[in-house]
Structure formats: structure tokens, C-alpha cells
Amino acid sequence: MSWTARTKKDVIIAGTLGLGADLFCQCVCEDKDVRTIDKRRAAAIAIFTGGYIGVTCNYIYSLYPHLSRKIAQSILPANICQARTLGIVSTAADNLVHVPILYIPSYFLAVGSMQGMPLSTSVRNMQDGWSSAVGTCWLFWIPFMAFNFRFMPPSHRVRAVAGANFCWTVALDFITQKSD
């Protein structure tokens, strides 16, 4: 399957799961009646999740094998650079660089903007919720991504993330929306 075809499918899968996660969070975690669901928020999370996981993660994850190999080879003997080591390096890069620097800020700014918040409010929400979001992210994603990068074939990693992201989106949604 071509990168474009796979990416289109991943956008649809991730967006649909993001929408489901937000609706679950609003109805179950926040105990909202179906008639009072924040449709704009649900749409914002679905669009962000579909676009970010479906497109951005497809691109970023395609870089990890090469970057991980280069990093591992620069700090470890060549005979130790196995799939397990590359999985650990990819997990570290994803969770210690990508997530706190790109993903979490993108989430706060994009979802806030799509919900109609002024940029200053989105930035303040990001400043207030960043450490909680990153800490929770590490608890959830480090074990999952270690498994994902070690055992999943590259062509299935984004879909595995999209599936796990349902649970993560409920948690992140709850963390970022509880102050609203």
C-alpha cells in the first residue's frame, strides 16, 4: 500500500477514534447529557487526532528507524544495535523529544484554536496543563511505544497508536478540559 493510501486510512481511523474518545469523555467522564455535548470540541479533537496521528505521526515514525540506528551506533557497539535497542531509542526519542516539544503544544494550540479560544487562552491552558499532560503521557505511552517500536511492523505502527490513542485521548481530554 502506498504512503498516501495508508495515510488516508490512518487519518480516517485516528479521527474516528478521536471523535469517539471525546464523546466518551464528555458523556461518561463529565456526565454530560447527549443534548449538551460540545460539538465544536468533539470536532476539534477528531480533526486534530486524525491529522496529527494520521499525517504527522506517519512522517515522524518513518524517520525513527534511521535516526534510532544512527543514535544507537554513535553510543553503543555495533553488535548491540538490535531491534530491541532501536525500539528503546525510538521510544525515548518519541516520548522525550517529540511529545513534549511538538505533540503536547500542538494539541493545546490546535484544539484551543478550533474551539474558538483566543491564542492567549490556549497558551495559558498549555502552560497550566503541560506538565500534567506530559507526565500522564509518559505513564501511558512509554510502555506502549516500547512495545510498538519493538514488535509492530512499521506499516502498522500508526494504526496501533490510533487504537491506543482512544484511551489516551480520553485521559488528555479530561486533563485539558477539566478547567473549562
C-alpha atoms as a PDB file:
ATOM      1  CA  MET A   1       0.000   0.000   0.000  1.00  0.00           C
ATOM      2  CA  SER A   2       1.379   3.428  -0.897  1.00  0.00           C
ATOM      3  CA  TRP A   3       2.237   6.005   1.768  1.00  0.00           C
ATOM      4  CA  THR A   4      -0.646   8.214   0.560  1.00  0.00           C
ATOM      5  CA  ALA A   5      -3.258   5.430   0.677  1.00  0.00           C
ATOM      6  CA  ARG A   6      -2.057   4.258   4.087  1.00  0.00           C
ATOM      7  CA  THR A   7      -2.054   7.830   5.388  1.00  0.00           C
ATOM      8  CA  LYS A   8      -5.627   8.446   4.200  1.00  0.00           C
ATOM      9  CA  LYS A   9      -6.793   5.330   6.024  1.00  0.00           C
ATOM     10  CA  ASP A  10      -4.845   6.328   9.126  1.00  0.00           C
ATOM     11  CA  VAL A  11      -6.409   9.810   9.125  1.00  0.00           C
ATOM     12  CA  ILE A  12      -9.905   8.315   8.982  1.00  0.00           C
ATOM     13  CA  ILE A  13      -9.179   5.687  11.643  1.00  0.00           C
ATOM     14  CA  ALA A  14      -7.454   8.121  14.017  1.00  0.00           C
ATOM     15  CA  GLY A  15     -10.051  10.862  13.516  1.00  0.00           C
ATOM     16  CA  THR A  16     -12.938   8.485  14.121  1.00  0.00           C
ATOM     17  CA  LEU A  17     -11.313   7.097  17.257  1.00  0.00           C
ATOM     18  CA  GLY A  18     -10.534  10.641  18.455  1.00  0.00           C
ATOM     19  CA  LEU A  19     -14.164  11.628  17.984  1.00  0.00           C
ATOM     20  CA  GLY A  20     -15.306   8.523  19.863  1.00  0.00           C
ATOM     21  CA  ALA A  21     -12.863   9.226  22.689  1.00  0.00           C
ATOM     22  CA  ASP A  22     -14.083  12.801  23.124  1.00  0.00           C
ATOM     23  CA  LEU A  23     -17.737  11.743  23.062  1.00  0.00           C
ATOM     24  CA  PHE A  24     -16.944   9.057  25.646  1.00  0.00           C
ATOM     25  CA  CYS A  25     -15.142  11.605  27.820  1.00  0.00           C
ATOM     26  CA  GLN A  26     -17.983  14.116  27.596  1.00  0.00           C
ATOM     27  CA  CYS A  27     -20.770  11.584  28.246  1.00  0.00           C
ATOM     28  CA  VAL A  28     -19.090   9.273  30.765  1.00  0.00           C
ATOM     29  CA  CYS A  29     -16.275  11.191  32.479  1.00  0.00           C
ATOM     30  CA  GLU A  30     -18.015  14.572  32.507  1.00  0.00           C
ATOM     31  CA  ASP A  31     -21.541  13.129  32.801  1.00  0.00           C
ATOM     32  CA  LYS A  32     -22.962  15.362  30.063  1.00  0.00           C
ATOM     33  CA  ASP A  33     -26.321  14.645  28.533  1.00  0.00           C
ATOM     34  CA  VAL A  34     -26.150  13.789  24.831  1.00  0.00           C
ATOM     35  CA  ARG A  35     -28.000  17.051  24.064  1.00  0.00           C
ATOM     36  CA  THR A  36     -25.331  19.147  25.821  1.00  0.00           C
ATOM     37  CA  ILE A  37     -22.282  17.639  24.122  1.00  0.00           C
ATOM     38  CA  ASP A  38     -19.837  20.288  22.961  1.00  0.00           C
ATOM     39  CA  LYS A  39     -19.904  19.506  19.247  1.00  0.00           C
ATOM     40  CA  ARG A  40     -17.221  22.035  18.420  1.00  0.00           C
ATOM     41  CA  ARG A  41     -14.850  20.440  20.938  1.00  0.00           C
ATOM     42  CA  ALA A  42     -15.635  16.944  19.594  1.00  0.00           C
ATOM     43  CA  ALA A  43     -14.964  18.108  16.034  1.00  0.00           C
ATOM     44  CA  ALA A  44     -11.730  19.853  17.087  1.00  0.00           C
ATOM     45  CA  ILE A  45     -10.393  16.724  18.762  1.00  0.00           C
ATOM     46  CA  ALA A  46     -11.437  14.499  15.852  1.00  0.00           C
ATOM     47  CA  ILE A  47      -9.752  16.809  13.323  1.00  0.00           C
ATOM     48  CA  PHE A  48      -6.601  17.204  15.408  1.00  0.00           C
ATOM     49  CA  THR A  49      -6.329  13.480  16.150  1.00  0.00           C
ATOM     50  CA  GLY A  50      -6.940  12.466  12.543  1.00  0.00           C
ATOM     51  CA  GLY A  51      -4.477  14.992  11.176  1.00  0.00           C
ATOM     52  CA  TYR A  52      -1.765  14.657  13.772  1.00  0.00           C
ATOM     53  CA  ILE A  53      -1.724  10.894  14.153  1.00  0.00           C
ATOM     54  CA  GLY A  54      -2.721  10.133  10.575  1.00  0.00           C
ATOM     55  CA  VAL A  55      -0.274  12.507   8.891  1.00  0.00           C
ATOM     56  CA  THR A  56       2.342  13.839  11.325  1.00  0.00           C
ATOM     57  CA  CYS A  57       2.977  10.531  13.085  1.00  0.00           C
ATOM     58  CA  ASN A  58       3.209   8.705   9.762  1.00  0.00           C
ATOM     59  CA  TYR A  59       6.011  11.057   8.778  1.00  0.00           C
ATOM     60  CA  ILE A  60       7.781  11.157  12.161  1.00  0.00           C
ATOM     61  CA  TYR A  61       7.628   7.386  12.660  1.00  0.00           C
ATOM     62  CA  SER A  62       9.144   6.855   9.214  1.00  0.00           C
ATOM     63  CA  LEU A  63      12.197   8.810  10.402  1.00  0.00           C
ATOM     64  CA  TYR A  64      12.737   6.882  13.634  1.00  0.00           C
ATOM     65  CA  PRO A  65      14.369   3.693  12.279  1.00  0.00           C
ATOM     66  CA  HIS A  66      17.151   5.632  10.527  1.00  0.00           C
ATOM     67  CA  LEU A  67      17.600   8.165  13.344  1.00  0.00           C
ATOM     68  CA  SER A  68      17.500   5.467  16.019  1.00  0.00           C
ATOM     69  CA  ARG A  69      20.122   3.417  14.209  1.00  0.00           C
ATOM     70  CA  LYS A  70      22.396   6.477  13.905  1.00  0.00           C
ATOM     71  CA  ILE A  71      21.954   7.387  17.575  1.00  0.00           C
ATOM     72  CA  ALA A  72      22.430   3.807  18.772  1.00  0.00           C
ATOM     73  CA  GLN A  73      25.541   3.324  16.614  1.00  0.00           C
ATOM     74  CA  SER A  74      27.066   6.524  17.980  1.00  0.00           C
ATOM     75  CA  ILE A  75      26.760   5.418  21.607  1.00  0.00           C
ATOM     76  CA  LEU A  76      26.771   1.594  21.517  1.00  0.00           C
ATOM     77  CA  PRO A  77      28.982  -1.095  19.995  1.00  0.00           C
ATOM     78  CA  ALA A  78      27.697  -2.258  16.597  1.00  0.00           C
ATOM     79  CA  ASN A  79      26.852  -5.770  17.818  1.00  0.00           C
ATOM     80  CA  ILE A  80      24.348  -4.328  20.346  1.00  0.00           C
ATOM     81  CA  CYS A  81      22.314  -2.336  17.787  1.00  0.00           C
ATOM     82  CA  GLN A  82      19.471  -4.827  17.578  1.00  0.00           C
ATOM     83  CA  ALA A  83      15.746  -4.337  17.125  1.00  0.00           C
ATOM     84  CA  ARG A  84      15.261  -4.118  20.904  1.00  0.00           C
ATOM     85  CA  THR A  85      17.819  -1.334  21.193  1.00  0.00           C
ATOM     86  CA  LEU A  86      16.338   0.536  18.240  1.00  0.00           C
ATOM     87  CA  GLY A  87      12.891   0.206  19.822  1.00  0.00           C
ATOM     88  CA  ILE A  88      14.193   1.715  23.061  1.00  0.00           C
ATOM     89  CA  VAL A  89      15.883   4.601  21.227  1.00  0.00           C
ATOM     90  CA  SER A  90      12.731   5.263  19.164  1.00  0.00           C
ATOM     91  CA  THR A  91      10.597   5.205  22.327  1.00  0.00           C
ATOM     92  CA  ALA A  92      12.949   7.638  24.055  1.00  0.00           C
ATOM     93  CA  ALA A  93      13.013   9.975  21.049  1.00  0.00           C
ATOM     94  CA  ASP A  94       9.243   9.854  20.752  1.00  0.00           C
ATOM     95  CA  ASN A  95       8.478  10.453  24.421  1.00  0.00           C
ATOM     96  CA  LEU A  96      11.336  12.716  25.463  1.00  0.00           C
ATOM     97  CA  VAL A  97      11.575  14.915  22.355  1.00  0.00           C
ATOM     98  CA  HIS A  98       8.587  14.599  20.029  1.00  0.00           C
ATOM     99  CA  VAL A  99       5.776  14.523  22.613  1.00  0.00           C
ATOM    100  CA  PRO A 100       6.780  17.354  24.976  1.00  0.00           C
ATOM    101  CA  ILE A 101       8.147  19.672  22.298  1.00  0.00           C
ATOM    102  CA  LEU A 102       5.775  19.109  19.376  1.00  0.00           C
ATOM    103  CA  TYR A 103       2.725  16.974  20.199  1.00  0.00           C
ATOM    104  CA  ILE A 104       1.519  18.443  23.516  1.00  0.00           C
ATOM    105  CA  PRO A 105       1.911  22.104  22.440  1.00  0.00           C
ATOM    106  CA  SER A 106       0.260  21.294  19.086  1.00  0.00           C
ATOM    107  CA  TYR A 107      -2.652  19.672  20.892  1.00  0.00           C
ATOM    108  CA  PHE A 108      -3.299  22.630  23.191  1.00  0.00           C
ATOM    109  CA  LEU A 109      -2.885  25.260  20.474  1.00  0.00           C
ATOM    110  CA  ALA A 110      -4.755  23.483  17.667  1.00  0.00           C
ATOM    111  CA  VAL A 111      -7.675  22.179  19.723  1.00  0.00           C
ATOM    112  CA  GLY A 112      -7.998  25.504  21.548  1.00  0.00           C
ATOM    113  CA  SER A 113      -7.998  27.403  18.268  1.00  0.00           C
ATOM    114  CA  MET A 114     -10.582  25.100  16.685  1.00  0.00           C
ATOM    115  CA  GLN A 115     -12.761  25.571  19.777  1.00  0.00           C
ATOM    116  CA  GLY A 116     -12.643  29.337  19.221  1.00  0.00           C
ATOM    117  CA  MET A 117     -10.309  30.180  22.099  1.00  0.00           C
ATOM    118  CA  PRO A 118      -8.014  33.192  21.760  1.00  0.00           C
ATOM    119  CA  LEU A 119      -4.363  32.211  21.326  1.00  0.00           C
ATOM    120  CA  SER A 120      -3.537  33.722  24.735  1.00  0.00           C
ATOM    121  CA  THR A 121      -6.064  31.382  26.409  1.00  0.00           C
ATOM    122  CA  SER A 122      -4.687  28.341  24.585  1.00  0.00           C
ATOM    123  CA  VAL A 123      -1.150  29.291  25.615  1.00  0.00           C
ATOM    124  CA  ARG A 124      -2.232  29.774  29.246  1.00  0.00           C
ATOM    125  CA  ASN A 125      -4.053  26.409  29.194  1.00  0.00           C
ATOM    126  CA  MET A 126      -0.913  24.814  27.756  1.00  0.00           C
ATOM    127  CA  GLN A 127       1.261  26.365  30.456  1.00  0.00           C
ATOM    128  CA  ASP A 128      -1.150  25.232  33.172  1.00  0.00           C
ATOM    129  CA  GLY A 129      -1.643  21.695  31.818  1.00  0.00           C
ATOM    130  CA  TRP A 130       1.645  20.877  30.099  1.00  0.00           C
ATOM    131  CA  SER A 131       3.417  19.099  32.969  1.00  0.00           C
ATOM    132  CA  SER A 132       0.323  17.064  33.883  1.00  0.00           C
ATOM    133  CA  ALA A 133      -0.242  16.144  30.232  1.00  0.00           C
ATOM    134  CA  VAL A 134       3.402  15.152  29.666  1.00  0.00           C
ATOM    135  CA  GLY A 135       3.615  13.170  32.921  1.00  0.00           C
ATOM    136  CA  THR A 136       0.424  11.275  32.142  1.00  0.00           C
ATOM    137  CA  CYS A 137       1.643  10.784  28.587  1.00  0.00           C
ATOM    138  CA  TRP A 138       4.857   9.174  29.773  1.00  0.00           C
ATOM    139  CA  LEU A 139       2.983   6.802  32.094  1.00  0.00           C
ATOM    140  CA  PHE A 140       0.730   5.699  29.264  1.00  0.00           C
ATOM    141  CA  TRP A 141       2.855   5.927  26.128  1.00  0.00           C
ATOM    142  CA  ILE A 142       6.348   4.830  27.152  1.00  0.00           C
ATOM    143  CA  PRO A 143       5.304   1.207  27.776  1.00  0.00           C
ATOM    144  CA  PHE A 144       3.019   1.164  24.751  1.00  0.00           C
ATOM    145  CA  MET A 145       5.572   2.712  22.391  1.00  0.00           C
ATOM    146  CA  ALA A 146       8.313   0.384  23.612  1.00  0.00           C
ATOM    147  CA  PHE A 147       6.052  -2.493  22.573  1.00  0.00           C
ATOM    148  CA  ASN A 148       5.007  -0.731  19.348  1.00  0.00           C
ATOM    149  CA  PHE A 149       8.524   0.077  18.129  1.00  0.00           C
ATOM    150  CA  ARG A 150       9.878  -3.316  19.167  1.00  0.00           C
ATOM    151  CA  PHE A 151       7.187  -5.663  17.858  1.00  0.00           C
ATOM    152  CA  MET A 152       4.890  -3.908  15.375  1.00  0.00           C
ATOM    153  CA  PRO A 153       5.865  -3.772  11.709  1.00  0.00           C
ATOM    154  CA  PRO A 154       6.409  -0.159  10.605  1.00  0.00           C
ATOM    155  CA  SER A 155       3.328  -0.198   8.367  1.00  0.00           C
ATOM    156  CA  HIS A 156       1.079  -0.973  11.372  1.00  0.00           C
ATOM    157  CA  ARG A 157       2.562   1.367  13.987  1.00  0.00           C
ATOM    158  CA  VAL A 158       0.342   4.370  13.283  1.00  0.00           C
ATOM    159  CA  ARG A 159      -2.825   2.261  13.443  1.00  0.00           C
ATOM    160  CA  ALA A 160      -1.662   0.683  16.697  1.00  0.00           C
ATOM    161  CA  VAL A 161      -1.123   4.197  18.048  1.00  0.00           C
ATOM    162  CA  ALA A 162      -4.565   5.261  16.785  1.00  0.00           C
ATOM    163  CA  GLY A 163      -6.160   2.382  18.715  1.00  0.00           C
ATOM    164  CA  ALA A 164      -4.262   3.098  21.926  1.00  0.00           C
ATOM    165  CA  ASN A 165      -4.914   6.773  21.371  1.00  0.00           C
ATOM    166  CA  PHE A 166      -8.612   6.228  22.141  1.00  0.00           C
ATOM    167  CA  CYS A 167      -7.684   5.698  25.813  1.00  0.00           C
ATOM    168  CA  TRP A 168      -5.053   8.426  25.738  1.00  0.00           C
ATOM    169  CA  THR A 169      -7.450  10.950  24.187  1.00  0.00           C
ATOM    170  CA  VAL A 170      -9.979  10.312  26.943  1.00  0.00           C
ATOM    171  CA  ALA A 171      -7.230  10.988  29.531  1.00  0.00           C
ATOM    172  CA  LEU A 172      -5.806  14.050  27.740  1.00  0.00           C
ATOM    173  CA  ASP A 173      -9.292  15.376  27.051  1.00  0.00           C
ATOM    174  CA  PHE A 174     -10.161  15.030  30.725  1.00  0.00           C
ATOM    175  CA  ILE A 175      -6.913  16.716  31.842  1.00  0.00           C
ATOM    176  CA  THR A 176      -7.199  19.635  29.430  1.00  0.00           C
ATOM    177  CA  GLN A 177     -10.947  20.211  29.720  1.00  0.00           C
ATOM    178  CA  LYS A 178     -11.362  19.980  33.494  1.00  0.00           C
ATOM    179  CA  SER A 179     -10.546  23.660  33.963  1.00  0.00           C
ATOM    180  CA  ASP A 180     -13.121  24.827  31.411  1.00  0.00           C
END
